[in-house]
PDB file of all heavy atoms in Angstrom:
ATOM      1  N   PRO A   1       0.822  -1.213   0.000  1.00  0.00           N
ATOM      2  CA  PRO A   1       0.000   0.000   0.000  1.00  0.00           C
ATOM      3  C   PRO A   1       0.854   1.260   0.000  1.00  0.00           C
ATOM      4  O   PRO A   1       1.913   1.314   0.621  1.00  0.00           O
ATOM      5  CB  PRO A   1      -0.813  -0.111   1.293  1.00  0.00           C
ATOM      6  CG  PRO A   1      -0.717  -1.544   1.686  1.00  0.00           C
ATOM      7  CD  PRO A   1       0.614  -2.035   1.185  1.00  0.00           C
ATOM      8  N   VAL A   2       0.384   2.256  -0.723  1.00  0.00           N
ATOM      9  CA  VAL A   2       1.041   3.560  -0.742  1.00  0.00           C
ATOM     10  C   VAL A   2       0.008   4.592  -0.335  1.00  0.00           C
ATOM     11  O   VAL A   2      -1.031   4.724  -0.979  1.00  0.00           O
ATOM     12  CB  VAL A   2       1.599   3.896  -2.142  1.00  0.00           C
ATOM     13  CG1 VAL A   2       2.187   5.312  -2.143  1.00  0.00           C
ATOM     14  CG2 VAL A   2       2.641   2.879  -2.555  1.00  0.00           C
ATOM     15  N   ARG A   3       0.240   5.314   0.743  1.00  0.00           N
ATOM     16  CA  ARG A   3      -0.725   6.292   1.238  1.00  0.00           C
ATOM     17  C   ARG A   3      -0.713   7.536   0.373  1.00  0.00           C
ATOM     18  O   ARG A   3       0.348   8.082   0.051  1.00  0.00           O
ATOM     19  CB  ARG A   3      -0.425   6.668   2.687  1.00  0.00           C
ATOM     20  CG  ARG A   3      -1.495   7.571   3.292  1.00  0.00           C
ATOM     21  CD  ARG A   3      -1.275   7.784   4.782  1.00  0.00           C
ATOM     22  NE  ARG A   3      -2.341   8.574   5.340  1.00  0.00           N
ATOM     23  CZ  ARG A   3      -3.525   8.101   5.706  1.00  0.00           C
ATOM     24  NH1 ARG A   3      -3.787   6.823   5.545  1.00  0.00           N
ATOM     25  NH2 ARG A   3      -4.448   8.887   6.208  1.00  0.00           N
ATOM     26  N   LEU A   4      -1.906   7.977  -0.025  1.00  0.00           N
ATOM     27  CA  LEU A   4      -2.019   9.176  -0.825  1.00  0.00           C
ATOM     28  C   LEU A   4      -1.766  10.407   0.041  1.00  0.00           C
ATOM     29  O   LEU A   4      -2.019  10.394   1.248  1.00  0.00           O
ATOM     30  CB  LEU A   4      -3.413   9.264  -1.449  1.00  0.00           C
ATOM     31  CG  LEU A   4      -3.782   8.133  -2.410  1.00  0.00           C
ATOM     32  CD1 LEU A   4      -5.218   8.299  -2.863  1.00  0.00           C
ATOM     33  CD2 LEU A   4      -2.846   8.105  -3.606  1.00  0.00           C
ATOM     34  N   PRO A   5      -1.290  11.486  -0.539  1.00  0.00           N
ATOM     35  CA  PRO A   5      -1.057  12.713   0.249  1.00  0.00           C
ATOM     36  C   PRO A   5      -2.375  13.278   0.772  1.00  0.00           C
ATOM     37  O   PRO A   5      -3.428  13.122   0.161  1.00  0.00           O
ATOM     38  CB  PRO A   5      -0.396  13.659  -0.763  1.00  0.00           C
ATOM     39  CG  PRO A   5      -0.809  13.147  -2.104  1.00  0.00           C
ATOM     40  CD  PRO A   5      -0.903  11.651  -1.957  1.00  0.00           C
ATOM     41  N   ASP A   6      -2.297  13.910   1.943  1.00  0.00           N
ATOM     42  CA  ASP A   6      -3.482  14.513   2.542  1.00  0.00           C
ATOM     43  C   ASP A   6      -3.967  15.685   1.698  1.00  0.00           C
ATOM     44  O   ASP A   6      -3.191  16.336   0.993  1.00  0.00           O
ATOM     45  CB  ASP A   6      -3.172  15.013   3.961  1.00  0.00           C
ATOM     46  CG  ASP A   6      -2.878  13.859   4.911  1.00  0.00           C
ATOM     47  OD1 ASP A   6      -3.404  12.753   4.657  1.00  0.00           O
ATOM     48  OD2 ASP A   6      -2.135  14.080   5.887  1.00  0.00           O
ATOM     49  N   ALA A   7      -5.264  15.940   1.782  1.00  0.00           N
ATOM     50  CA  ALA A   7      -5.846  17.073   1.065  1.00  0.00           C
ATOM     51  C   ALA A   7      -5.289  18.374   1.632  1.00  0.00           C
ATOM     52  O   ALA A   7      -4.975  18.459   2.828  1.00  0.00           O
ATOM     53  CB  ALA A   7      -7.360  17.044   1.181  1.00  0.00           C
ATOM     54  N   PRO A   8      -5.159  19.393   0.809  1.00  0.00           N
ATOM     55  CA  PRO A   8      -4.636  20.674   1.316  1.00  0.00           C
ATOM     56  C   PRO A   8      -5.559  21.280   2.361  1.00  0.00           C
ATOM     57  O   PRO A   8      -6.778  21.087   2.324  1.00  0.00           O
ATOM     58  CB  PRO A   8      -4.565  21.539   0.056  1.00  0.00           C
ATOM     59  CG  PRO A   8      -5.550  20.930  -0.900  1.00  0.00           C
ATOM     60  CD  PRO A   8      -5.499  19.456  -0.625  1.00  0.00           C
ATOM     61  N   ALA A   9      -4.980  21.988   3.297  1.00  0.00           N
ATOM     62  CA  ALA A   9      -5.766  22.635   4.354  1.00  0.00           C
ATOM     63  C   ALA A   9      -6.605  23.758   3.752  1.00  0.00           C
ATOM     64  O   ALA A   9      -6.212  24.375   2.761  1.00  0.00           O
ATOM     65  CB  ALA A   9      -4.835  23.196   5.425  1.00  0.00           C
ATOM     66  N   PRO A  10      -7.774  24.025   4.335  1.00  0.00           N
ATOM     67  CA  PRO A  10      -8.606  25.119   3.827  1.00  0.00           C
ATOM     68  C   PRO A  10      -7.890  26.456   3.983  1.00  0.00           C
ATOM     69  O   PRO A  10      -7.055  26.628   4.881  1.00  0.00           O
ATOM     70  CB  PRO A  10      -9.861  25.052   4.711  1.00  0.00           C
ATOM     71  CG  PRO A  10      -9.423  24.336   5.946  1.00  0.00           C
ATOM     72  CD  PRO A  10      -8.365  23.370   5.513  1.00  0.00           C
ATOM     73  N   PRO A  11      -8.193  27.405   3.117  1.00  0.00           N
ATOM     74  CA  PRO A  11      -7.514  28.705   3.196  1.00  0.00           C
ATOM     75  C   PRO A  11      -7.847  29.436   4.488  1.00  0.00           C
ATOM     76  O   PRO A  11      -8.933  29.273   5.060  1.00  0.00           O
ATOM     77  CB  PRO A  11      -8.066  29.461   1.974  1.00  0.00           C
ATOM     78  CG  PRO A  11      -9.378  28.801   1.679  1.00  0.00           C
ATOM     79  CD  PRO A  11      -9.192  27.361   2.041  1.00  0.00           C
ATOM     80  N   GLU A  12      -6.896  30.216   4.955  1.00  0.00           N
ATOM     81  CA  GLU A  12      -7.102  31.017   6.152  1.00  0.00           C
ATOM     82  C   GLU A  12      -8.094  32.143   5.852  1.00  0.00           C
ATOM     83  O   GLU A  12      -8.143  32.652   4.730  1.00  0.00           O
ATOM     84  CB  GLU A  12      -5.779  31.618   6.621  1.00  0.00           C
ATOM     85  CG  GLU A  12      -4.764  30.597   7.119  1.00  0.00           C
ATOM     86  CD  GLU A  12      -5.208  29.952   8.414  1.00  0.00           C
ATOM     87  OE1 GLU A  12      -5.936  30.626   9.197  1.00  0.00           O
ATOM     88  OE2 GLU A  12      -4.850  28.787   8.645  1.00  0.00           O
ATOM     89  N   PRO A  13      -8.909  32.540   6.844  1.00  0.00           N
ATOM     90  CA  PRO A  13      -9.847  33.647   6.605  1.00  0.00           C
ATOM     91  C   PRO A  13      -9.103  34.937   6.299  1.00  0.00           C
ATOM     92  O   PRO A  13      -8.027  35.205   6.827  1.00  0.00           O
ATOM     93  CB  PRO A  13     -10.617  33.749   7.938  1.00  0.00           C
ATOM     94  CG  PRO A  13      -9.748  33.064   8.946  1.00  0.00           C
ATOM     95  CD  PRO A  13      -9.004  31.996   8.208  1.00  0.00           C
ATOM     96  N   ASP A  14      -9.694  35.732   5.435  1.00  0.00           N
ATOM     97  CA  ASP A  14      -9.087  36.996   5.032  1.00  0.00           C
ATOM     98  C   ASP A  14      -9.194  38.001   6.181  1.00  0.00           C
ATOM     99  O   ASP A  14     -10.306  38.352   6.602  1.00  0.00           O
ATOM    100  CB  ASP A  14      -9.806  37.534   3.793  1.00  0.00           C
ATOM    101  CG  ASP A  14      -9.104  38.741   3.187  1.00  0.00           C
ATOM    102  OD1 ASP A  14      -8.280  39.354   3.895  1.00  0.00           O
ATOM    103  OD2 ASP A  14      -9.381  39.061   2.021  1.00  0.00           O
ATOM    104  N   PRO A  15      -8.080  38.470   6.720  1.00  0.00           N
ATOM    105  CA  PRO A  15      -8.148  39.416   7.857  1.00  0.00           C
ATOM    106  C   PRO A  15      -8.761  40.753   7.477  1.00  0.00           C
ATOM    107  O   PRO A  15      -9.184  41.515   8.346  1.00  0.00           O
ATOM    108  CB  PRO A  15      -6.675  39.578   8.268  1.00  0.00           C
ATOM    109  CG  PRO A  15      -5.891  39.226   7.042  1.00  0.00           C
ATOM    110  CD  PRO A  15      -6.690  38.183   6.321  1.00  0.00           C
ATOM    111  N   ASP A  16      -8.810  41.066   6.168  1.00  0.00           N
ATOM    112  CA  ASP A  16      -9.372  42.346   5.733  1.00  0.00           C
ATOM    113  C   ASP A  16     -10.893  42.285   5.564  1.00  0.00           C
ATOM    114  O   ASP A  16     -11.527  43.305   5.302  1.00  0.00           O
ATOM    115  CB  ASP A  16      -8.740  42.773   4.406  1.00  0.00           C
ATOM    116  CG  ASP A  16      -7.250  43.034   4.539  1.00  0.00           C
ATOM    117  OD1 ASP A  16      -6.844  43.486   5.629  1.00  0.00           O
ATOM    118  OD2 ASP A  16      -6.516  42.763   3.574  1.00  0.00           O
ATOM    119  N   VAL A  17     -11.448  41.100   5.688  1.00  0.00           N
ATOM    120  CA  VAL A  17     -12.901  40.937   5.540  1.00  0.00           C
ATOM    121  C   VAL A  17     -13.538  40.827   6.922  1.00  0.00           C
ATOM    122  O   VAL A  17     -13.190  39.954   7.716  1.00  0.00           O
ATOM    123  CB  VAL A  17     -13.235  39.687   4.703  1.00  0.00           C
ATOM    124  CG1 VAL A  17     -14.748  39.489   4.632  1.00  0.00           C
ATOM    125  CG2 VAL A  17     -12.638  39.790   3.311  1.00  0.00           C
ATOM    126  N   THR A  18     -14.452  41.728   7.222  1.00  0.00           N
ATOM    127  CA  THR A  18     -15.135  41.718   8.516  1.00  0.00           C
ATOM    128  C   THR A  18     -16.220  40.646   8.521  1.00  0.00           C
ATOM    129  O   THR A  18     -17.106  40.654   7.666  1.00  0.00           O
ATOM    130  CB  THR A  18     -15.782  43.088   8.798  1.00  0.00           C
ATOM    131  OG1 THR A  18     -14.778  44.095   8.740  1.00  0.00           O
ATOM    132  CG2 THR A  18     -16.449  43.093  10.169  1.00  0.00           C
ATOM    133  N   PRO A  19     -16.136  39.683   9.446  1.00  0.00           N
ATOM    134  CA  PRO A  19     -17.167  38.642   9.484  1.00  0.00           C
ATOM    135  C   PRO A  19     -18.515  39.236   9.861  1.00  0.00           C
ATOM    136  O   PRO A  19     -18.587  40.266  10.556  1.00  0.00           O
ATOM    137  CB  PRO A  19     -16.664  37.684  10.566  1.00  0.00           C
ATOM    138  CG  PRO A  19     -15.766  38.518  11.435  1.00  0.00           C
ATOM    139  CD  PRO A  19     -15.136  39.521  10.506  1.00  0.00           C
ATOM    140  N   PRO A  20     -19.608  38.632   9.406  1.00  0.00           N
ATOM    141  CA  PRO A  20     -20.933  39.174   9.743  1.00  0.00           C
ATOM    142  C   PRO A  20     -21.215  39.090  11.234  1.00  0.00           C
ATOM    143  O   PRO A  20     -20.736  38.178  11.919  1.00  0.00           O
ATOM    144  CB  PRO A  20     -21.887  38.272   8.939  1.00  0.00           C
ATOM    145  CG  PRO A  20     -21.125  37.006   8.707  1.00  0.00           C
ATOM    146  CD  PRO A  20     -19.693  37.414   8.581  1.00  0.00           C
ATOM    147  N   ASP A  21     -21.967  40.052  11.726  1.00  0.00           N
ATOM    148  CA  ASP A  21     -22.364  40.070  13.133  1.00  0.00           C
ATOM    149  C   ASP A  21     -23.397  38.968  13.357  1.00  0.00           C
ATOM    150  O   ASP A  21     -24.462  38.989  12.742  1.00  0.00           O
ATOM    151  CB  ASP A  21     -22.951  41.436  13.488  1.00  0.00           C
ATOM    152  CG  ASP A  21     -23.314  41.554  14.961  1.00  0.00           C
ATOM    153  OD1 ASP A  21     -23.229  40.548  15.691  1.00  0.00           O
ATOM    154  OD2 ASP A  21     -23.710  42.660  15.384  1.00  0.00           O
ATOM    155  N   PRO A  22     -23.119  37.978  14.231  1.00  0.00           N
ATOM    156  CA  PRO A  22     -24.085  36.896  14.436  1.00  0.00           C
ATOM    157  C   PRO A  22     -25.408  37.364  15.022  1.00  0.00           C
ATOM    158  O   PRO A  22     -26.397  36.626  14.978  1.00  0.00           O
ATOM    159  CB  PRO A  22     -23.358  35.943  15.392  1.00  0.00           C
ATOM    160  CG  PRO A  22     -22.330  36.790  16.069  1.00  0.00           C
ATOM    161  CD  PRO A  22     -21.914  37.812  15.052  1.00  0.00           C
ATOM    162  N   LYS A  23     -25.435  38.589  15.549  1.00  0.00           N
ATOM    163  CA  LYS A  23     -26.682  39.104  16.122  1.00  0.00           C
ATOM    164  C   LYS A  23     -27.548  39.830  15.096  1.00  0.00           C
ATOM    165  O   LYS A  23     -28.628  40.300  15.440  1.00  0.00           O
ATOM    166  CB  LYS A  23     -26.378  40.029  17.306  1.00  0.00           C
ATOM    167  CG  LYS A  23     -25.786  39.297  18.511  1.00  0.00           C
ATOM    168  CD  LYS A  23     -25.599  40.234  19.697  1.00  0.00           C
ATOM    169  CE  LYS A  23     -25.031  39.484  20.898  1.00  0.00           C
ATOM    170  NZ  LYS A  23     -24.852  40.377  22.071  1.00  0.00           N
ATOM    171  N   GLU A  24     -27.056  39.919  13.865  1.00  0.00           N
ATOM    172  CA  GLU A  24     -27.873  40.518  12.818  1.00  0.00           C
ATOM    173  C   GLU A  24     -28.940  39.519  12.374  1.00  0.00           C
ATOM    174  O   GLU A  24     -28.716  38.303  12.355  1.00  0.00           O
ATOM    175  CB  GLU A  24     -27.012  40.904  11.618  1.00  0.00           C
ATOM    176  CG  GLU A  24     -26.001  42.018  11.887  1.00  0.00           C
ATOM    177  CD  GLU A  24     -26.657  43.394  11.971  1.00  0.00           C
ATOM    178  OE1 GLU A  24     -27.841  43.508  11.590  1.00  0.00           O
ATOM    179  OE2 GLU A  24     -25.976  44.340  12.404  1.00  0.00           O
ATOM    180  N   GLU A  25     -30.105  40.032  12.001  1.00  0.00           N
ATOM    181  CA  GLU A  25     -31.147  39.167  11.456  1.00  0.00           C
ATOM    182  C   GLU A  25     -30.636  38.486  10.193  1.00  0.00           C
ATOM    183  O   GLU A  25     -29.959  39.104   9.371  1.00  0.00           O
ATOM    184  CB  GLU A  25     -32.397  39.982  11.138  1.00  0.00           C
ATOM    185  CG  GLU A  25     -33.539  39.166  10.543  1.00  0.00           C
ATOM    186  CD  GLU A  25     -34.768  39.999  10.246  1.00  0.00           C
ATOM    187  OE1 GLU A  25     -34.796  41.182  10.653  1.00  0.00           O
ATOM    188  OE2 GLU A  25     -35.695  39.473   9.609  1.00  0.00           O
ATOM    189  N   VAL A  26     -30.933  37.197  10.045  1.00  0.00           N
ATOM    190  CA  VAL A  26     -30.514  36.458   8.853  1.00  0.00           C
ATOM    191  C   VAL A  26     -31.735  36.198   7.970  1.00  0.00           C
ATOM    192  O   VAL A  26     -32.883  36.224   8.437  1.00  0.00           O
ATOM    193  CB  VAL A  26     -29.828  35.132   9.218  1.00  0.00           C
ATOM    194  CG1 VAL A  26     -28.581  35.381  10.052  1.00  0.00           C
ATOM    195  CG2 VAL A  26     -30.782  34.192   9.960  1.00  0.00           C
ATOM    196  N   THR A  27     -31.465  35.961   6.699  1.00  0.00           N
ATOM    197  CA  THR A  27     -32.540  35.714   5.743  1.00  0.00           C
ATOM    198  C   THR A  27     -32.979  34.252   5.819  1.00  0.00           C
ATOM    199  O   THR A  27     -32.147  33.342   5.764  1.00  0.00           O
ATOM    200  CB  THR A  27     -32.073  36.033   4.314  1.00  0.00           C
ATOM    201  OG1 THR A  27     -31.661  37.407   4.261  1.00  0.00           O
ATOM    202  CG2 THR A  27     -33.199  35.803   3.313  1.00  0.00           C
ATOM    203  N   LEU A  28     -34.263  34.042   5.965  1.00  0.00           N
ATOM    204  CA  LEU A  28     -34.798  32.683   6.000  1.00  0.00           C
ATOM    205  C   LEU A  28     -34.797  32.091   4.601  1.00  0.00           C
ATOM    206  O   LEU A  28     -35.007  32.798   3.614  1.00  0.00           O
ATOM    207  CB  LEU A  28     -36.224  32.683   6.554  1.00  0.00           C
ATOM    208  CG  LEU A  28     -36.412  33.163   7.998  1.00  0.00           C
ATOM    209  CD1 LEU A  28     -37.898  33.233   8.327  1.00  0.00           C
ATOM    210  CD2 LEU A  28     -35.699  32.245   8.980  1.00  0.00           C
ATOM    211  N   ASN A  29     -34.571  30.784   4.512  1.00  0.00           N
ATOM    212  CA  ASN A  29     -34.718  30.138   3.212  1.00  0.00           C
ATOM    213  C   ASN A  29     -36.203  29.877   2.946  1.00  0.00           C
ATOM    214  O   ASN A  29     -37.059  30.135   3.802  1.00  0.00           O
ATOM    215  CB  ASN A  29     -33.880  28.856   3.129  1.00  0.00           C
ATOM    216  CG  ASN A  29     -34.277  27.822   4.170  1.00  0.00           C
ATOM    217  OD1 ASN A  29     -35.453  27.635   4.471  1.00  0.00           O
ATOM    218  ND2 ASN A  29     -33.293  27.117   4.722  1.00  0.00           N
ATOM    219  N   ALA A  30     -36.516  29.360   1.763  1.00  0.00           N
ATOM    220  CA  ALA A  30     -37.916  29.199   1.371  1.00  0.00           C
ATOM    221  C   ALA A  30     -38.667  28.272   2.314  1.00  0.00           C
ATOM    222  O   ALA A  30     -39.831  28.520   2.669  1.00  0.00           O
ATOM    223  CB  ALA A  30     -37.994  28.674  -0.064  1.00  0.00           C
ATOM    224  N   ALA A  31     -38.021  27.189   2.739  1.00  0.00           N
ATOM    225  CA  ALA A  31     -38.689  26.250   3.640  1.00  0.00           C
ATOM    226  C   ALA A  31     -38.957  26.893   4.996  1.00  0.00           C
ATOM    227  O   ALA A  31     -40.046  26.749   5.570  1.00  0.00           O
ATOM    228  CB  ALA A  31     -37.842  24.990   3.801  1.00  0.00           C
ATOM    229  N   GLU A  32     -37.973  27.634   5.532  1.00  0.00           N
ATOM    230  CA  GLU A  32     -38.163  28.299   6.821  1.00  0.00           C
ATOM    231  C   GLU A  32     -39.255  29.353   6.737  1.00  0.00           C
ATOM    232  O   GLU A  32     -40.051  29.510   7.677  1.00  0.00           O
ATOM    233  CB  GLU A  32     -36.838  28.918   7.277  1.00  0.00           C
ATOM    234  CG  GLU A  32     -35.790  27.893   7.672  1.00  0.00           C
ATOM    235  CD  GLU A  32     -34.396  28.479   7.811  1.00  0.00           C
ATOM    236  OE1 GLU A  32     -34.098  29.486   7.118  1.00  0.00           O
ATOM    237  OE2 GLU A  32     -33.606  27.945   8.595  1.00  0.00           O
ATOM    238  N   GLU A  33     -39.308  30.088   5.627  1.00  0.00           N
ATOM    239  CA  GLU A  33     -40.376  31.082   5.448  1.00  0.00           C
ATOM    240  C   GLU A  33     -41.747  30.404   5.446  1.00  0.00           C
ATOM    241  O   GLU A  33     -42.709  30.919   6.024  1.00  0.00           O
ATOM    242  CB  GLU A  33     -40.163  31.841   4.144  1.00  0.00           C
ATOM    243  CG  GLU A  33     -39.067  32.887   4.200  1.00  0.00           C
ATOM    244  CD  GLU A  33     -39.008  33.716   2.933  1.00  0.00           C
ATOM    245  OE1 GLU A  33     -39.742  33.378   1.975  1.00  0.00           O
ATOM    246  OE2 GLU A  33     -38.239  34.696   2.890  1.00  0.00           O
ATOM    247  N   CYS A  34     -41.819  29.262   4.780  1.00  0.00           N
ATOM    248  CA  CYS A  34     -43.095  28.549   4.711  1.00  0.00           C
ATOM    249  C   CYS A  34     -43.545  28.103   6.100  1.00  0.00           C
ATOM    250  O   CYS A  34     -44.687  28.314   6.496  1.00  0.00           O
ATOM    251  CB  CYS A  34     -42.960  27.359   3.764  1.00  0.00           C
ATOM    252  SG  CYS A  34     -44.512  26.455   3.499  1.00  0.00           S
ATOM    253  N   PHE A  35     -42.637  27.479   6.861  1.00  0.00           N
ATOM    254  CA  PHE A  35     -42.990  27.032   8.203  1.00  0.00           C
ATOM    255  C   PHE A  35     -43.250  28.215   9.126  1.00  0.00           C
ATOM    256  O   PHE A  35     -44.104  28.141  10.011  1.00  0.00           O
ATOM    257  CB  PHE A  35     -41.887  26.147   8.775  1.00  0.00           C
ATOM    258  CG  PHE A  35     -41.792  24.813   8.092  1.00  0.00           C
ATOM    259  CD1 PHE A  35     -40.674  24.475   7.363  1.00  0.00           C
ATOM    260  CD2 PHE A  35     -42.829  23.906   8.161  1.00  0.00           C
ATOM    261  CE1 PHE A  35     -40.588  23.261   6.718  1.00  0.00           C
ATOM    262  CE2 PHE A  35     -42.748  22.688   7.518  1.00  0.00           C
ATOM    263  CZ  PHE A  35     -41.619  22.352   6.795  1.00  0.00           C
ATOM    264  N   GLY A  36     -42.517  29.313   8.909  1.00  0.00           N
ATOM    265  CA  GLY A  36     -42.789  30.510   9.693  1.00  0.00           C
ATOM    266  C   GLY A  36     -44.203  31.005   9.464  1.00  0.00           C
ATOM    267  O   GLY A  36     -44.894  31.424  10.401  1.00  0.00           O
ATOM    268  N   GLY A  37     -44.668  30.928   8.212  1.00  0.00           N
ATOM    269  CA  GLY A  37     -46.051  31.308   7.915  1.00  0.00           C
ATOM    270  C   GLY A  37     -47.049  30.439   8.643  1.00  0.00           C
ATOM    271  O   GLY A  37     -48.102  30.922   9.100  1.00  0.00           O
ATOM    272  N   ASP A  38     -46.740  29.146   8.786  1.00  0.00           N
ATOM    273  CA  ASP A  38     -47.624  28.242   9.534  1.00  0.00           C
ATOM    274  C   ASP A  38     -47.757  28.705  10.985  1.00  0.00           C
ATOM    275  O   ASP A  38     -48.854  28.741  11.551  1.00  0.00           O
ATOM    276  CB  ASP A  38     -47.086  26.812   9.500  1.00  0.00           C
ATOM    277  CG  ASP A  38     -47.229  26.162   8.139  1.00  0.00           C
ATOM    278  OD1 ASP A  38     -48.038  26.656   7.330  1.00  0.00           O
ATOM    279  OD2 ASP A  38     -46.538  25.158   7.887  1.00  0.00           O
TER     280      ASP A  38
END
């Protein structure tokens, strides 16, 4: 057996990009909107 090389690590987050505020309202997807209507 010969072990294949590991997959590359995911890229580091861009320090110049401000992550979204988790306390901001998020947009519901179509299914969530439907159940919200119920």
